[in-house]
């Protein structure tokens, strides 16, 4: 791995690059640059009991990515592709009414949220066409950039690929000293990729062993977008929403990014990073300072995946991809100094006698077993702090996302919920689990290369209080 990259060092924070797929650098698409579209904030109401109530509808639409071509897509909240940004503050009691206007059953999973299993939105909470699912929970975690997407068993890649994804921002009541004006200097950057068929539709047939990997990059649902900034300091909330491709994000001018946060919250202090590498499902918050009048590209650079010889080209690891052009204002006051420290939960400490669980990732299986929705693979005590040893026995890259958990790669301070595990390597992660016991409703852990997940590279666990026995699993007849 590139030793300059903060997130590229598995020993440092446990995040890095996974796969691309094209065998050559994709040519610029035949479309003129267009302004970056910032997803709208979802409107929230407060009911009589003080709960924050949000409405979200999943439906079909039509999008225009390439000139003169219409693309059938799916989206949330009236958007034809993607979804509005949901927002809540730590301590809020949240209710989300999710209606399914799609022609098939789906789910909506709150990726990175710690909450009761019945509100998680995994494959055990299906929403049939025409039905509404109404989960409710209290936000019990620090400020972080989370996201939401479908999770139907065996169909997650297809539903996400058609466009269903959006951000869910968690705030702390106290200010951080970072840019915080949503859509102005605090900007979501949702990166994904698609290959287009001649008629403009998404190509859902061409795939590698890693799934659907596209030749055209979309940022917030646009090709070759630019952000005309009104200030010279930007906080960018990066999300890799691709089914399989990774992005090694850097500035085109060679200046460092300032990394301030990872999946599950802020770092102890801002730090320079030559580049930031994100696997599917991972997030990072970076601060970019611009020279007045300058234009700088966020760019994905080639990666060293640590894969076996000859596979980098087929994985797309040699691609260079322009993501987003940043256009600084000609006249702007210089920004104030960044804070030297940030609100941050301290490092996790393994208690004496803590449980260690070993997960072997290989051949699209975990510990040699294919996902079975009726089987409980692990039983975790409520609120437990455990060591999970992730062993990639494969020649392919994999990562692992654990629901209802916040963790740190052993010896680090970066909070994660999705961790890259390079080929033929072991990554040890300390996870803290939620406190909501439910012996019959499971949470998932799985590779977030979505084709691998759909093919069975997933397991499930239940959270129990002392004296509880696990199972039988409820809702196991629902297979998406």
Protein backbone atom coordinates (compact mmCIF):
# COMPACT_ATOMS: atom_id res chain seq x y z
CA UNK A 1 0.00 0.00 0.00
CA UNK A 2 1.07 3.62 -0.56
CA UNK A 3 2.71 4.56 2.74
CA UNK A 4 1.87 8.25 2.24
CA UNK A 5 -1.82 7.64 2.48
CA UNK A 6 -3.37 8.05 5.92
CA UNK A 7 -6.28 5.74 5.20
CA UNK A 8 -4.12 3.48 3.07
CA UNK A 9 -2.27 2.20 6.12
CA UNK A 10 -4.28 -0.71 7.47
CA UNK A 11 -2.14 -0.69 10.60
CA UNK A 12 -2.90 2.98 11.04
CA UNK A 13 -6.68 3.18 10.69
CA UNK A 14 -7.93 0.12 8.85
CA UNK A 15 -9.25 1.82 5.74
CA UNK A 16 -7.87 1.62 2.24
CA UNK A 17 -8.70 0.93 -1.34
CA UNK A 18 -10.68 -1.93 -2.71
CA UNK A 19 -11.52 -2.54 -6.30
CA UNK A 20 -12.03 -0.69 -9.50
CA UNK A 21 -12.60 -2.68 -12.61
CA UNK A 22 -12.02 -1.04 -15.95
CA UNK A 23 -8.93 -2.23 -17.78
CA UNK A 24 -8.00 1.29 -18.89
CA UNK A 25 -8.56 4.83 -17.72
CA UNK A 26 -12.11 5.75 -18.76
CA UNK A 27 -12.35 8.54 -21.34
CA UNK A 28 -14.16 11.73 -20.31
CA UNK A 29 -17.89 11.31 -20.93
CA UNK A 30 -19.51 13.28 -23.76
CA UNK A 31 -21.10 15.92 -21.58
CA UNK A 32 -20.18 19.46 -20.54
CA UNK A 33 -19.33 20.13 -16.88
CA UNK A 34 -22.36 21.00 -14.80
CA UNK A 35 -22.83 22.50 -11.32
CA UNK A 36 -22.73 20.07 -8.42
CA UNK A 37 -26.22 19.33 -7.13
CA UNK A 38 -26.35 19.22 -3.34
CA UNK A 39 -28.97 16.74 -2.07
CA UNK A 40 -31.71 18.64 -0.24
CA UNK A 41 -32.14 18.26 3.49
CA UNK A 42 -35.20 16.15 4.26
CA UNK A 43 -37.92 18.14 6.00
CA UNK A 44 -38.48 17.05 9.59
CA UNK A 45 -41.46 17.63 11.85
CA UNK A 46 -41.64 17.47 15.63
CA UNK A 47 -44.68 15.65 17.01
CA UNK A 48 -46.38 16.25 20.36
CA UNK A 49 -44.07 13.85 22.18
CA UNK A 50 -40.98 15.65 20.86
CA UNK A 51 -39.98 13.01 18.32
CA UNK A 52 -38.22 14.03 15.10
CA UNK A 53 -40.39 12.65 12.29
CA UNK A 54 -39.02 12.16 8.77
CA UNK A 55 -40.74 10.83 5.66
CA UNK A 56 -38.94 8.89 2.95
CA UNK A 57 -40.42 7.36 -0.21
CA UNK A 58 -38.57 4.93 -2.47
CA UNK A 59 -39.74 5.19 -6.07
CA UNK A 60 -38.83 4.89 -9.74
CA UNK A 61 -37.88 7.84 -11.93
CA UNK A 62 -35.90 8.98 -14.94
CA UNK A 63 -32.54 10.75 -14.84
CA UNK A 64 -30.41 12.60 -17.40
CA UNK A 65 -26.72 11.80 -16.96
CA UNK A 66 -25.59 11.92 -20.59
CA UNK A 67 -26.68 14.43 -23.22
CA UNK A 68 -29.76 13.30 -25.13
CA UNK A 69 -30.25 10.07 -23.19
CA UNK A 70 -32.80 9.20 -20.52
CA UNK A 71 -31.86 6.67 -17.85
CA UNK A 72 -34.44 4.73 -15.79
CA UNK A 73 -33.42 5.09 -12.14
CA UNK A 74 -34.64 4.66 -8.57
CA UNK A 75 -34.46 7.26 -5.83
CA UNK A 76 -35.72 8.36 -2.44
CA UNK A 77 -37.78 11.34 -1.37
CA UNK A 78 -39.01 12.37 -4.81
CA UNK A 79 -35.51 12.40 -6.30
CA UNK A 80 -35.12 10.22 -9.40
CA UNK A 81 -31.62 9.14 -8.29
CA UNK A 82 -30.05 9.18 -4.81
CA UNK A 83 -31.91 10.61 -1.85
CA UNK A 84 -32.28 13.63 0.42
CA UNK A 85 -29.93 14.08 3.36
CA UNK A 86 -31.48 13.08 6.67
CA UNK A 87 -30.24 14.88 9.77
CA UNK A 88 -30.63 14.41 13.52
CA UNK A 89 -28.83 15.43 16.71
CA UNK A 90 -27.43 13.13 19.35
CA UNK A 91 -30.22 12.46 21.84
CA UNK A 92 -33.06 12.93 19.34
CA UNK A 93 -35.89 10.42 19.28
CA UNK A 94 -36.25 9.69 15.55
CA UNK A 95 -39.16 8.25 13.57
CA UNK A 96 -38.74 7.58 9.84
CA UNK A 97 -41.80 6.64 7.77
CA UNK A 98 -40.44 4.73 4.76
CA UNK A 99 -42.94 4.02 1.98
CA UNK A 100 -42.13 1.65 -0.87
CA UNK A 101 -43.49 2.85 -4.23
CA UNK A 102 -41.20 0.48 -6.14
CA UNK A 103 -42.54 -2.54 -8.07
CA UNK A 104 -40.73 -4.98 -5.74
CA UNK A 105 -39.88 -5.52 -2.09
CA UNK A 106 -36.99 -3.52 -0.70
CA UNK A 107 -35.56 -2.47 2.68
CA UNK A 108 -33.86 0.68 3.99
CA UNK A 109 -30.79 0.18 6.21
CA UNK A 110 -29.25 2.97 8.31
CA UNK A 111 -25.57 2.24 7.67
CA UNK A 112 -23.46 3.05 10.73
CA UNK A 113 -26.33 3.68 13.14
CA UNK A 114 -26.47 1.94 16.51
CA UNK A 115 -30.12 1.13 17.20
CA UNK A 116 -32.53 -1.74 17.97
CA UNK A 117 -32.33 -4.65 15.53
CA UNK A 118 -35.97 -4.24 14.48
CA UNK A 119 -35.15 -0.69 13.28
CA UNK A 120 -31.93 -1.61 11.45
CA UNK A 121 -33.48 -2.05 7.99
CA UNK A 122 -31.58 -5.20 7.09
CA UNK A 123 -33.05 -8.15 5.19
CA UNK A 124 -35.30 -9.06 8.14
CA UNK A 125 -37.27 -5.81 7.78
CA UNK A 126 -38.72 -6.07 4.24
CA UNK A 127 -41.06 -3.40 2.87
CA UNK A 128 -43.48 -4.78 0.28
CA UNK A 129 -44.71 -2.59 -2.62
CA UNK A 130 -47.25 -0.09 -1.36
CA UNK A 131 -46.37 -0.64 2.30
CA UNK A 132 -44.84 1.74 4.86
CA UNK A 133 -42.25 0.74 7.47
CA UNK A 134 -41.91 3.02 10.50
CA UNK A 135 -38.80 2.40 12.60
CA UNK A 136 -38.19 4.46 15.74
CA UNK A 137 -35.04 4.85 17.83
CA UNK A 138 -33.00 7.28 19.90
CA UNK A 139 -29.77 8.59 18.36
CA UNK A 140 -27.10 7.49 20.84
CA UNK A 141 -23.79 8.17 19.09
CA UNK A 142 -21.45 11.08 18.39
CA UNK A 143 -21.54 13.31 15.34
CA UNK A 144 -20.73 11.37 12.17
CA UNK A 145 -21.46 11.05 8.46
CA UNK A 146 -23.67 7.97 8.08
CA UNK A 147 -25.78 6.87 5.12
CA UNK A 148 -28.83 4.81 4.17
CA UNK A 149 -29.42 2.30 1.38
CA UNK A 150 -31.41 -0.88 0.59
CA UNK A 151 -30.42 -4.24 2.07
CA UNK A 152 -32.74 -6.92 0.57
CA UNK A 153 -31.14 -10.34 0.79
CA UNK A 154 -29.65 -11.32 -2.58
CA UNK A 155 -30.64 -8.05 -4.29
CA UNK A 156 -28.71 -5.33 -2.49
CA UNK A 157 -26.32 -4.61 -5.38
CA UNK A 158 -29.14 -4.19 -7.90
CA UNK A 159 -31.18 -1.86 -5.68
CA UNK A 160 -28.20 0.33 -4.79
CA UNK A 161 -26.98 0.31 -8.41
CA UNK A 162 -30.31 1.70 -9.60
CA UNK A 163 -29.78 4.73 -7.38
CA UNK A 164 -31.09 4.15 -3.87
CA UNK A 165 -28.67 5.84 -1.44
CA UNK A 166 -28.48 8.97 0.68
CA UNK A 167 -26.62 10.52 3.62
CA UNK A 168 -27.75 10.53 7.26
CA UNK A 169 -25.84 13.16 9.26
CA UNK A 170 -25.62 12.94 13.03
CA UNK A 171 -24.75 16.15 14.87
CA UNK A 172 -23.56 16.94 18.39
CA UNK A 173 -25.21 19.88 20.15
CA UNK A 174 -21.82 21.59 20.67
CA UNK A 175 -20.00 23.35 17.78
CA UNK A 176 -16.81 21.78 16.43
CA UNK A 177 -15.06 24.76 14.85
CA UNK A 178 -15.36 23.08 11.43
CA UNK A 179 -17.39 24.51 8.51
CA UNK A 180 -21.04 23.68 9.20
CA UNK A 181 -23.25 25.50 6.67
CA UNK A 182 -24.84 22.60 4.79
CA UNK A 183 -24.53 22.96 1.05
CA UNK A 184 -22.38 26.10 1.39
CA UNK A 185 -19.10 25.17 3.07
CA UNK A 186 -20.21 21.77 4.46
CA UNK A 187 -20.85 19.77 1.31
CA UNK A 188 -21.81 16.11 0.72
CA UNK A 189 -19.81 14.32 -1.99
CA UNK A 190 -21.47 10.99 -2.81
CA UNK A 191 -19.25 9.15 -5.29
CA UNK A 192 -20.37 6.17 -7.34
CA UNK A 193 -19.85 4.74 -10.83
CA UNK A 194 -21.92 3.33 -13.68
CA UNK A 195 -21.52 1.90 -17.16
CA UNK A 196 -24.16 3.07 -19.65
CA UNK A 197 -25.77 0.98 -22.37
CA UNK A 198 -26.20 2.60 -25.82
CA UNK A 199 -29.82 3.56 -24.99
CA UNK A 200 -28.71 5.41 -21.84
CA UNK A 201 -29.79 2.77 -19.34
CA UNK A 202 -27.45 1.38 -16.69
CA UNK A 203 -25.58 -1.73 -17.80
CA UNK A 204 -26.53 -4.40 -15.24
CA UNK A 205 -25.04 -7.32 -17.15
CA UNK A 206 -21.35 -6.53 -17.52
CA UNK A 207 -19.59 -7.52 -14.33
CA UNK A 208 -16.33 -8.88 -12.97
CA UNK A 209 -15.82 -11.27 -10.09
CA UNK A 210 -16.29 -8.22 -7.87
CA UNK A 211 -19.65 -7.21 -9.30
CA UNK A 212 -20.85 -4.16 -11.21
CA UNK A 213 -18.04 -1.66 -11.73
CA UNK A 214 -18.61 1.31 -14.00
CA UNK A 215 -16.53 3.33 -16.43
CA UNK A 216 -18.23 6.67 -15.66
CA UNK A 217 -18.06 8.40 -12.29
CA UNK A 218 -21.11 10.13 -10.81
CA UNK A 219 -20.87 12.63 -7.95
CA UNK A 220 -24.19 13.47 -6.30
CA UNK A 221 -25.75 11.96 -9.42
CA UNK A 222 -23.87 14.14 -11.95
CA UNK A 223 -21.11 13.51 -14.49
CA UNK A 224 -18.11 15.88 -14.36
CA UNK A 225 -19.62 18.29 -11.82
CA UNK A 226 -18.02 21.43 -10.45
CA UNK A 227 -18.60 23.26 -7.19
CA UNK A 228 -18.55 27.05 -7.43
CA UNK A 229 -17.58 27.70 -3.82
CA UNK A 230 -18.48 30.88 -1.96
CA UNK A 231 -15.58 30.49 0.50
CA UNK A 232 -12.02 29.24 0.30
CA UNK A 233 -12.49 26.60 3.00
CA UNK A 234 -14.70 23.58 2.38
CA UNK A 235 -15.63 20.61 4.53
CA UNK A 236 -16.34 17.72 2.17
CA UNK A 237 -18.22 14.66 3.43
CA UNK A 238 -17.02 11.86 1.15
CA UNK A 239 -19.06 8.68 0.71
CA UNK A 240 -18.07 5.76 -1.49
CA UNK A 241 -21.52 4.55 -2.59
CA UNK A 242 -20.18 2.34 -5.39
CA UNK A 243 -21.10 -1.34 -5.49
CA UNK A 244 -17.44 -2.36 -5.88
CA UNK A 245 -15.02 0.36 -7.05
CA UNK A 246 -12.72 2.19 -4.65
CA UNK A 247 -11.42 5.73 -4.79
CA UNK A 248 -8.03 7.03 -3.71
CA UNK A 249 -9.00 10.69 -3.37
CA UNK A 250 -6.38 13.44 -3.67
CA UNK A 251 -6.04 17.03 -4.82
CA UNK A 252 -4.87 17.63 -8.36
CA UNK A 253 -2.46 20.36 -7.20
CA UNK A 254 -0.54 18.01 -4.91
CA UNK A 255 -1.49 19.83 -1.71
CA UNK A 256 -2.61 17.58 1.16
CA UNK A 257 -6.17 17.03 2.23
CA UNK A 258 -6.90 17.71 5.90
CA UNK A 259 -8.60 14.64 7.33
CA UNK A 260 -10.96 15.40 10.22
CA UNK A 261 -13.27 12.37 10.37
CA UNK A 262 -13.86 8.77 9.36
CA UNK A 263 -16.93 6.49 9.24
CA UNK A 264 -18.07 6.88 12.83
CA UNK A 265 -16.94 10.32 13.88
CA UNK A 266 -14.22 12.93 14.16
CA UNK A 267 -10.52 12.30 14.73
CA UNK A 268 -8.81 13.64 17.87
CA UNK A 269 -7.30 16.42 15.74
CA UNK A 270 -7.08 17.45 12.07
CA UNK A 271 -4.18 15.87 10.22
CA UNK A 272 -2.72 16.16 6.74
CA UNK A 273 -3.23 13.24 4.36
CA UNK A 274 -1.68 13.01 0.91
CA UNK A 275 -4.75 11.04 -0.17
CA UNK A 276 -7.75 9.26 1.30
CA UNK A 277 -8.67 5.78 0.13
CA UNK A 278 -12.22 4.55 0.55
CA UNK A 279 -13.67 1.09 0.06
CA UNK A 280 -17.38 0.69 -0.76
CA UNK A 281 -19.44 1.91 2.17
CA UNK A 282 -16.67 3.95 3.83
CA UNK A 283 -16.85 7.66 4.56
CA UNK A 284 -14.33 10.39 5.32
CA UNK A 285 -14.61 14.05 6.22
CA UNK A 286 -11.88 16.27 4.76
CA UNK A 287 -11.20 20.01 4.85
CA UNK A 288 -9.92 21.65 1.67
CA UNK A 289 -8.43 25.16 1.68
CA UNK A 290 -8.32 26.88 -1.72
CA UNK A 291 -6.42 29.80 -3.15
CA UNK A 292 -8.79 32.61 -4.24
CA UNK A 293 -9.64 32.21 -7.92
CA UNK A 294 -8.01 28.78 -8.17
CA UNK A 295 -9.51 25.64 -9.70
CA UNK A 296 -8.60 22.26 -8.20
CA UNK A 297 -9.87 18.77 -9.00
CA UNK A 298 -10.64 16.08 -6.49
CA UNK A 299 -9.17 13.11 -8.29
CA UNK A 300 -9.02 9.35 -7.70
CA UNK A 301 -5.48 8.09 -8.26
CA UNK A 302 -4.15 4.60 -9.09
CA UNK A 303 -3.83 2.25 -6.14
CA UNK A 304 -1.65 -0.61 -4.98
CA UNK A 305 -4.17 -3.11 -3.65
CA UNK A 306 -1.70 -5.72 -2.51
CA UNK A 307 -3.45 -8.14 -4.86
CA UNK A 308 -1.78 -10.99 -6.67
CA UNK A 309 0.33 -10.19 -9.71
CA UNK A 310 -1.61 -9.42 -12.86
CA UNK A 311 -4.94 -8.57 -11.20
CA UNK A 312 -4.50 -4.83 -10.66
CA UNK A 313 -5.43 -4.01 -14.25
CA UNK A 314 -8.60 -6.13 -14.17
CA UNK A 315 -9.53 -4.58 -10.81
CA UNK A 316 -9.24 -1.04 -12.19
CA UNK A 317 -6.49 -0.16 -9.75
CA UNK A 318 -4.56 1.71 -12.44
CA UNK A 319 -7.40 4.12 -13.26
CA UNK A 320 -7.12 7.88 -12.80
CA UNK A 321 -10.57 9.44 -12.41
CA UNK A 322 -11.61 13.09 -12.13
CA UNK A 323 -14.33 13.36 -9.47
CA UNK A 324 -15.19 16.98 -8.68
CA UNK A 325 -13.79 20.35 -9.75
CA UNK A 326 -13.57 22.93 -6.95
CA UNK A 327 -13.74 26.56 -8.10
CA UNK A 328 -12.68 29.06 -5.46
CA UNK A 329 -14.14 32.56 -5.33
CA UNK A 330 -11.90 35.33 -6.63
CA UNK A 331 -12.36 37.43 -3.51
CA UNK A 332 -12.77 35.88 -0.08
CA UNK A 333 -11.52 36.57 3.40
CA UNK A 334 -8.96 34.06 4.64
CA UNK A 335 -10.50 31.38 6.85
CA UNK A 336 -9.72 31.24 10.57
CA UNK A 337 -7.24 28.65 11.88
CA UNK A 338 -8.61 25.13 12.15
CA UNK A 339 -9.17 23.88 15.69
CA UNK A 340 -6.20 21.98 17.11
CA UNK A 341 -8.46 19.38 18.75
CA UNK A 342 -11.84 17.92 17.82
CA UNK A 343 -14.65 16.33 19.86
CA UNK A 344 -13.70 12.66 19.90
CA UNK A 345 -14.56 9.54 21.87
CA UNK A 346 -11.40 8.10 23.47
CA UNK A 347 -9.74 4.94 22.24
CA UNK A 348 -11.50 1.67 23.03
CA UNK A 349 -9.81 -0.46 25.67
CA UNK A 350 -10.29 -4.20 25.63
CA UNK A 351 -11.49 -5.36 29.06
CA UNK A 352 -9.84 -8.31 30.72
CA UNK A 353 -11.22 -11.56 29.36
CA UNK A 354 -12.81 -9.88 26.33
CA UNK A 355 -14.16 -12.20 23.65
CA UNK A 356 -12.10 -12.66 20.47
CA UNK A 357 -13.94 -13.72 17.32
CA UNK A 358 -12.12 -14.89 14.20
CA UNK A 359 -13.70 -14.31 10.78
CA UNK A 360 -12.07 -15.80 7.71
CA UNK A 361 -12.96 -14.04 4.45
CA UNK A 362 -12.54 -16.07 1.27
CA UNK A 363 -14.35 -17.48 -1.76
CA UNK A 364 -17.29 -15.14 -1.08
CA UNK A 365 -17.90 -16.87 2.24
CA UNK A 366 -17.24 -16.03 5.89
CA UNK A 367 -15.72 -18.88 7.89
CA UNK A 368 -16.52 -21.12 4.95
CA UNK A 369 -20.29 -20.67 5.29
CA UNK A 370 -22.85 -19.14 2.96
CA UNK A 371 -25.33 -16.71 4.48
CA UNK A 372 -28.47 -18.36 5.90
CA UNK A 373 -31.16 -16.02 7.20
CA UNK A 374 -32.42 -18.71 9.58
CA UNK A 375 -29.04 -19.26 11.26
CA UNK A 376 -27.52 -17.24 14.10
CA UNK A 377 -23.76 -17.20 13.56
CA UNK A 378 -22.69 -15.22 16.62
CA UNK A 379 -24.23 -14.18 19.96
CA UNK A 380 -22.96 -10.86 21.36
CA UNK A 381 -23.71 -9.52 24.87
CA UNK A 382 -25.42 -6.13 24.88
CA UNK A 383 -22.88 -3.30 25.13
CA UNK A 384 -19.93 -5.68 24.75
CA UNK A 385 -16.43 -4.59 23.71
CA UNK A 386 -14.83 -7.40 21.68
CA UNK A 387 -11.83 -8.09 19.46
CA UNK A 388 -12.71 -9.23 15.94
CA UNK A 389 -9.83 -10.74 13.99
CA UNK A 390 -10.51 -10.41 10.25
CA UNK A 391 -8.46 -12.79 8.12
CA UNK A 392 -8.58 -12.42 4.34
CA UNK A 393 -7.44 -15.85 3.09
CA UNK A 394 -8.30 -14.87 -0.49
CA UNK A 395 -6.26 -13.32 -3.32
CA UNK A 396 -9.07 -10.76 -3.75
CA UNK A 397 -9.61 -7.60 -1.71
CA UNK A 398 -12.53 -7.64 0.73
CA UNK A 399 -13.85 -5.37 3.43
CA UNK A 400 -16.19 -5.99 6.36
CA UNK A 401 -19.09 -3.85 7.56
CA UNK A 402 -20.56 -4.68 10.98
CA UNK A 403 -24.04 -3.43 11.85
CA UNK A 404 -24.79 -1.91 15.27
CA UNK A 405 -21.08 -1.51 16.04
CA UNK A 406 -18.50 1.26 16.31
CA UNK A 407 -14.89 0.15 16.24
CA UNK A 408 -11.23 1.03 15.97
CA UNK A 409 -8.47 -0.93 14.29
CA UNK A 410 -6.31 -2.12 17.16
CA UNK A 411 -3.95 0.62 18.33
CA UNK A 412 -5.65 3.48 16.46
CA UNK A 413 -8.08 6.29 17.25
CA UNK A 414 -10.16 6.43 14.04
CA UNK A 415 -13.75 5.26 14.52
CA UNK A 416 -14.92 2.80 11.86
CA UNK A 417 -17.80 0.52 10.92
CA UNK A 418 -16.40 -0.68 7.56
CA UNK A 419 -12.82 -1.98 7.45
CA UNK A 420 -10.65 -2.94 4.50
CA UNK A 421 -8.83 -6.28 4.72
CA UNK A 422 -6.15 -6.64 2.00
CA UNK A 423 -5.54 -10.03 0.36
CA UNK A 424 -3.63 -12.55 2.48
CA UNK A 425 -3.66 -10.29 5.54
CA UNK A 426 -5.20 -10.00 9.00
CA UNK A 427 -6.75 -6.86 10.54
CA UNK A 428 -7.73 -6.79 14.23
CA UNK A 429 -10.57 -4.48 15.21
CA UNK A 430 -11.96 -3.58 18.63
CA UNK A 431 -15.75 -3.19 18.35
CA UNK A 432 -18.24 -1.79 20.83
CA UNK A 433 -21.77 -3.09 20.25
CA UNK A 434 -25.14 -1.51 20.96
CA UNK A 435 -27.07 -2.04 24.16
CA UNK A 436 -30.43 -3.08 22.65
CA UNK A 437 -30.96 -6.78 23.34
CA UNK A 438 -33.13 -8.82 20.97
CA UNK A 439 -32.47 -12.59 20.84
CA UNK A 440 -34.61 -13.25 17.76
CA UNK A 441 -33.86 -10.34 15.39
CA UNK A 442 -30.35 -10.43 13.92
CA UNK A 443 -27.88 -7.78 12.79
CA UNK A 444 -25.60 -8.41 9.78
CA UNK A 445 -21.85 -8.43 9.16
CA UNK A 446 -20.73 -8.71 5.56
CA UNK A 447 -18.38 -7.70 2.78
CA UNK A 448 -19.56 -4.37 1.38
CA UNK A 449 -18.57 -5.25 -2.16
CA UNK A 450 -22.25 -5.77 -2.77
CA UNK A 451 -22.00 -8.67 -5.21
CA UNK A 452 -19.98 -10.59 -2.62
CA UNK A 453 -22.66 -9.87 -0.02
CA UNK A 454 -25.44 -10.99 -2.37
CA UNK A 455 -23.54 -14.20 -3.17
CA UNK A 456 -23.45 -15.17 0.49
CA UNK A 457 -20.46 -13.38 2.06
CA UNK A 458 -22.50 -12.38 5.08
CA UNK A 459 -23.29 -13.62 8.56
CA UNK A 460 -25.61 -12.51 11.32
CA UNK A 461 -25.55 -12.05 15.07
CA UNK A 462 -28.01 -11.30 17.83
CA UNK A 463 -27.46 -9.07 20.86
CA UNK A 464 -28.56 -10.54 24.20
CA UNK A 465 -28.81 -9.64 27.85
CA UNK A 466 -27.54 -12.07 30.52
CA UNK A 467 -29.70 -15.18 30.72
CA UNK A 468 -31.13 -14.80 27.21
CA UNK A 469 -30.96 -17.60 24.65
CA UNK A 470 -30.64 -16.81 20.94
CA UNK A 471 -33.35 -17.55 18.39
CA UNK A 472 -35.33 -18.79 16.69
CA UNK A 473 -34.83 -16.04 14.10
CA UNK A 474 -38.01 -14.20 13.20
CA UNK A 475 -38.79 -13.14 9.62
CA UNK A 476 -36.36 -15.67 8.14
CA UNK A 477 -38.80 -16.46 5.31
CA UNK A 478 -38.15 -13.03 3.78
CA UNK A 479 -35.44 -13.33 1.10
CA UNK A 480 -35.86 -10.04 -0.75
